[in-house]
Amino acid sequence: LPQSDGSMVRLTVAAKSRVAVLELHDPRHFNALSPEMADDVQQAVMWLRSQPVSKVKAVVLQGCGPHFCPGGNLSRLSTPGLTQTARARCSLDLFAGFVALRTLAVPVVSAVHGTVLGGGLAIALHSDCVVSSKDATFQHGELTRGLTPAALFTRSMSEVAGHSIAVQFY
């Protein structure tokens, strides 16, 4: 992953409540996933993992602006000339920080709103609870293109919603 400047994610911890807010912060691109955002999320999760429960007792994952996350930013994710192996590695790196949310010793809540597509839905499913605003719309995003779900999406959807609902969703 590229080393980001930290601008794609905001991480704040309220001293009194000890709730950390991990905010996707690329509203110009509707918080679409990018290598820079992935790097920032990995850094934030590493920092959260290092904190004692006396400092952080819960984490809220949210998006800045009108949308939580519409999935990957395809124009920023395409790198010409990559081998299939390198493309697969990029895909793994893109979601590693979000998958690592499952390893935190505190509850993680995704607060979603606006458009939640494909990879955006996959990352929300890595939290312990998803809270949705009334205006949120959920879509797989890439199924009609024949793309396989990323970020353990197939498994997470079945775990969270149940097998029969996941099959209906697909």
Protein backbone atom coordinates (compact mmCIF):
# COMPACT_ATOMS: atom_id res chain seq x y z
CA LEU A 1 0.00 0.00 0.00
CA PRO A 2 1.12 3.56 -0.53
CA GLN A 3 1.96 5.47 2.59
CA SER A 4 -0.89 7.90 2.98
CA ASP A 5 -0.78 11.23 4.73
CA GLY A 6 -3.62 10.19 7.04
CA SER A 7 -6.18 12.44 5.39
CA MET A 8 -8.53 9.66 4.20
CA VAL A 9 -9.57 8.63 7.70
CA ARG A 10 -10.33 10.66 10.79
CA LEU A 11 -9.89 8.95 14.14
CA THR A 12 -11.12 10.66 17.28
CA VAL A 13 -11.72 9.40 20.80
CA ALA A 14 -14.14 11.16 23.11
CA ALA A 15 -12.35 11.34 26.46
CA LYS A 16 -15.49 11.12 28.58
CA SER A 17 -17.32 8.30 26.76
CA ARG A 18 -14.14 6.54 25.51
CA VAL A 19 -15.89 5.91 22.16
CA ALA A 20 -13.60 6.11 19.15
CA VAL A 21 -15.02 7.34 15.86
CA LEU A 22 -13.27 6.00 12.76
CA GLU A 23 -14.58 8.15 9.92
CA LEU A 24 -13.98 7.46 6.24
CA HIS A 25 -13.04 10.91 4.99
CA ASP A 26 -13.04 11.27 1.22
CA PRO A 27 -16.41 12.96 0.65
CA ARG A 28 -15.28 14.28 -2.76
CA HIS A 29 -15.32 10.63 -3.91
CA PHE A 30 -18.26 9.62 -1.65
CA ASN A 31 -15.78 7.73 0.61
CA ALA A 32 -15.02 5.21 -2.13
CA LEU A 33 -12.27 2.79 -1.17
CA SER A 34 -8.78 3.60 -2.40
CA PRO A 35 -5.28 2.34 -1.56
CA GLU A 36 -4.66 5.51 0.46
CA MET A 37 -7.84 5.02 2.50
CA ALA A 38 -6.93 1.37 3.02
CA ASP A 39 -3.52 2.39 4.39
CA ASP A 40 -5.13 4.94 6.74
CA VAL A 41 -7.64 2.36 8.02
CA GLN A 42 -4.85 -0.15 8.68
CA GLN A 43 -2.91 2.49 10.63
CA ALA A 44 -6.01 3.46 12.62
CA VAL A 45 -6.84 -0.16 13.49
CA MET A 46 -3.25 -0.79 14.59
CA TRP A 47 -3.48 2.25 16.89
CA LEU A 48 -6.88 1.14 18.25
CA ARG A 49 -5.55 -2.36 18.89
CA SER A 50 -2.73 -0.87 20.99
CA GLN A 51 -5.12 1.04 23.27
CA PRO A 52 -6.35 -0.34 26.60
CA VAL A 53 -10.09 -0.62 27.22
CA SER A 54 -9.61 2.11 29.82
CA LYS A 55 -8.94 4.47 26.88
CA VAL A 56 -11.25 3.04 24.15
CA LYS A 57 -14.33 0.98 25.03
CA ALA A 58 -16.07 1.00 21.61
CA VAL A 59 -15.52 2.03 17.99
CA VAL A 60 -17.99 3.60 15.56
CA LEU A 61 -17.19 3.30 11.84
CA GLN A 62 -18.91 5.98 9.77
CA GLY A 63 -18.56 7.94 6.54
CA CYS A 64 -18.20 11.69 6.06
CA GLY A 65 -20.62 13.42 3.72
CA PRO A 66 -23.77 12.11 2.03
CA HIS A 67 -22.67 8.45 1.67
CA PHE A 68 -21.12 5.81 3.90
CA CYS A 69 -19.17 4.06 1.12
CA PRO A 70 -20.13 3.02 -2.42
CA GLY A 71 -17.36 0.42 -2.61
CA GLY A 72 -14.12 0.77 -4.53
CA ASN A 73 -13.10 3.82 -6.51
CA LEU A 74 -12.45 1.97 -9.76
CA SER A 75 -10.57 4.83 -11.42
CA ARG A 76 -8.14 5.05 -8.49
CA LEU A 77 -7.84 1.27 -8.10
CA SER A 78 -6.86 0.46 -11.68
CA THR A 79 -3.12 0.10 -12.17
CA PRO A 80 -2.15 -0.94 -15.68
CA GLY A 81 0.37 -3.74 -16.14
CA LEU A 82 -0.21 -5.57 -12.86
CA THR A 83 -0.04 -9.34 -12.86
CA GLN A 84 -3.04 -11.34 -11.63
CA THR A 85 -1.12 -12.10 -8.44
CA ALA A 86 -0.42 -8.41 -7.87
CA ARG A 87 -4.08 -7.54 -8.51
CA ALA A 88 -5.16 -10.16 -5.95
CA ARG A 89 -2.65 -8.76 -3.42
CA CYS A 90 -4.03 -5.23 -3.98
CA SER A 91 -7.55 -6.50 -3.32
CA LEU A 92 -6.45 -8.15 -0.07
CA ASP A 93 -4.60 -5.02 1.03
CA LEU A 94 -7.62 -2.84 0.25
CA PHE A 95 -9.77 -4.65 2.84
CA ALA A 96 -7.16 -5.78 5.40
CA GLY A 97 -7.80 -2.90 7.81
CA PHE A 98 -11.56 -3.40 7.71
CA VAL A 99 -11.24 -7.16 8.23
CA ALA A 100 -8.91 -6.38 11.17
CA LEU A 101 -11.78 -4.51 12.85
CA ARG A 102 -13.00 -7.99 13.84
CA THR A 103 -9.86 -8.45 15.93
CA LEU A 104 -10.47 -5.47 18.22
CA ALA A 105 -11.27 -6.33 21.83
CA VAL A 106 -14.09 -3.78 21.92
CA PRO A 107 -17.48 -3.58 20.15
CA VAL A 108 -17.42 -2.05 16.67
CA VAL A 109 -20.57 -0.42 15.26
CA SER A 110 -20.98 0.66 11.63
CA ALA A 111 -23.23 3.69 11.28
CA VAL A 112 -24.25 3.69 7.62
CA HIS A 113 -26.18 6.18 5.52
CA GLY A 114 -26.69 7.10 1.89
CA THR A 115 -25.32 4.66 -0.66
CA VAL A 116 -23.78 1.42 0.62
CA LEU A 117 -22.57 -0.66 -2.32
CA GLY A 118 -20.46 -3.80 -2.74
CA GLY A 119 -17.22 -3.22 -0.85
CA GLY A 120 -18.93 -0.60 1.33
CA LEU A 121 -21.44 -3.18 2.50
CA ALA A 122 -18.64 -5.72 2.92
CA ILE A 123 -16.72 -3.41 5.27
CA ALA A 124 -19.83 -2.61 7.31
CA LEU A 125 -20.39 -6.33 7.84
CA HIS A 126 -17.05 -6.59 9.65
CA SER A 127 -18.49 -4.75 12.63
CA ASP A 128 -20.43 -6.23 15.51
CA CYS A 129 -23.51 -4.18 14.69
CA VAL A 130 -24.75 -2.16 11.71
CA VAL A 131 -27.00 0.81 12.38
CA SER A 132 -28.63 2.34 9.32
CA SER A 133 -30.30 5.66 8.64
CA LYS A 134 -33.68 5.61 6.89
CA ASP A 135 -32.17 6.92 3.66
CA ALA A 136 -29.55 4.18 3.29
CA THR A 137 -29.67 1.96 0.22
CA PHE A 138 -27.84 -1.37 0.11
CA GLN A 139 -26.74 -3.11 -3.06
CA HIS A 140 -24.26 -5.82 -3.93
CA GLY A 141 -22.90 -3.62 -6.68
CA GLU A 142 -20.77 -6.00 -8.73
CA LEU A 143 -22.79 -9.22 -8.97
CA THR A 144 -24.22 -8.36 -12.39
CA ARG A 145 -20.66 -7.92 -13.70
CA GLY A 146 -19.72 -11.41 -12.55
CA LEU A 147 -17.18 -10.16 -10.02
CA THR A 148 -16.65 -12.20 -6.89
CA PRO A 149 -17.41 -10.53 -3.58
CA ALA A 150 -14.44 -9.03 -1.79
CA ALA A 151 -13.52 -8.72 1.88
CA LEU A 152 -15.14 -12.01 2.92
CA PHE A 153 -18.46 -10.54 1.76
CA THR A 154 -20.11 -13.88 0.98
CA ARG A 155 -19.21 -15.32 4.36
CA SER A 156 -19.98 -12.15 6.33
CA MET A 157 -23.39 -11.68 4.69
CA SER A 158 -24.37 -15.23 5.54
CA GLU A 159 -23.10 -14.90 9.14
CA VAL A 160 -24.89 -11.60 9.73
CA ALA A 161 -28.16 -12.05 7.86
CA GLY A 162 -28.48 -15.83 7.77
CA HIS A 163 -28.02 -18.19 4.85
CA SER A 164 -31.51 -17.89 3.32
CA ILE A 165 -31.48 -14.07 3.38
CA ALA A 166 -27.97 -14.00 1.92
CA VAL A 167 -29.10 -16.29 -0.93
CA GLN A 168 -32.10 -14.01 -1.57
CA PHE A 169 -29.79 -10.99 -1.57
CA TYR A 170 -27.56 -12.62 -4.18
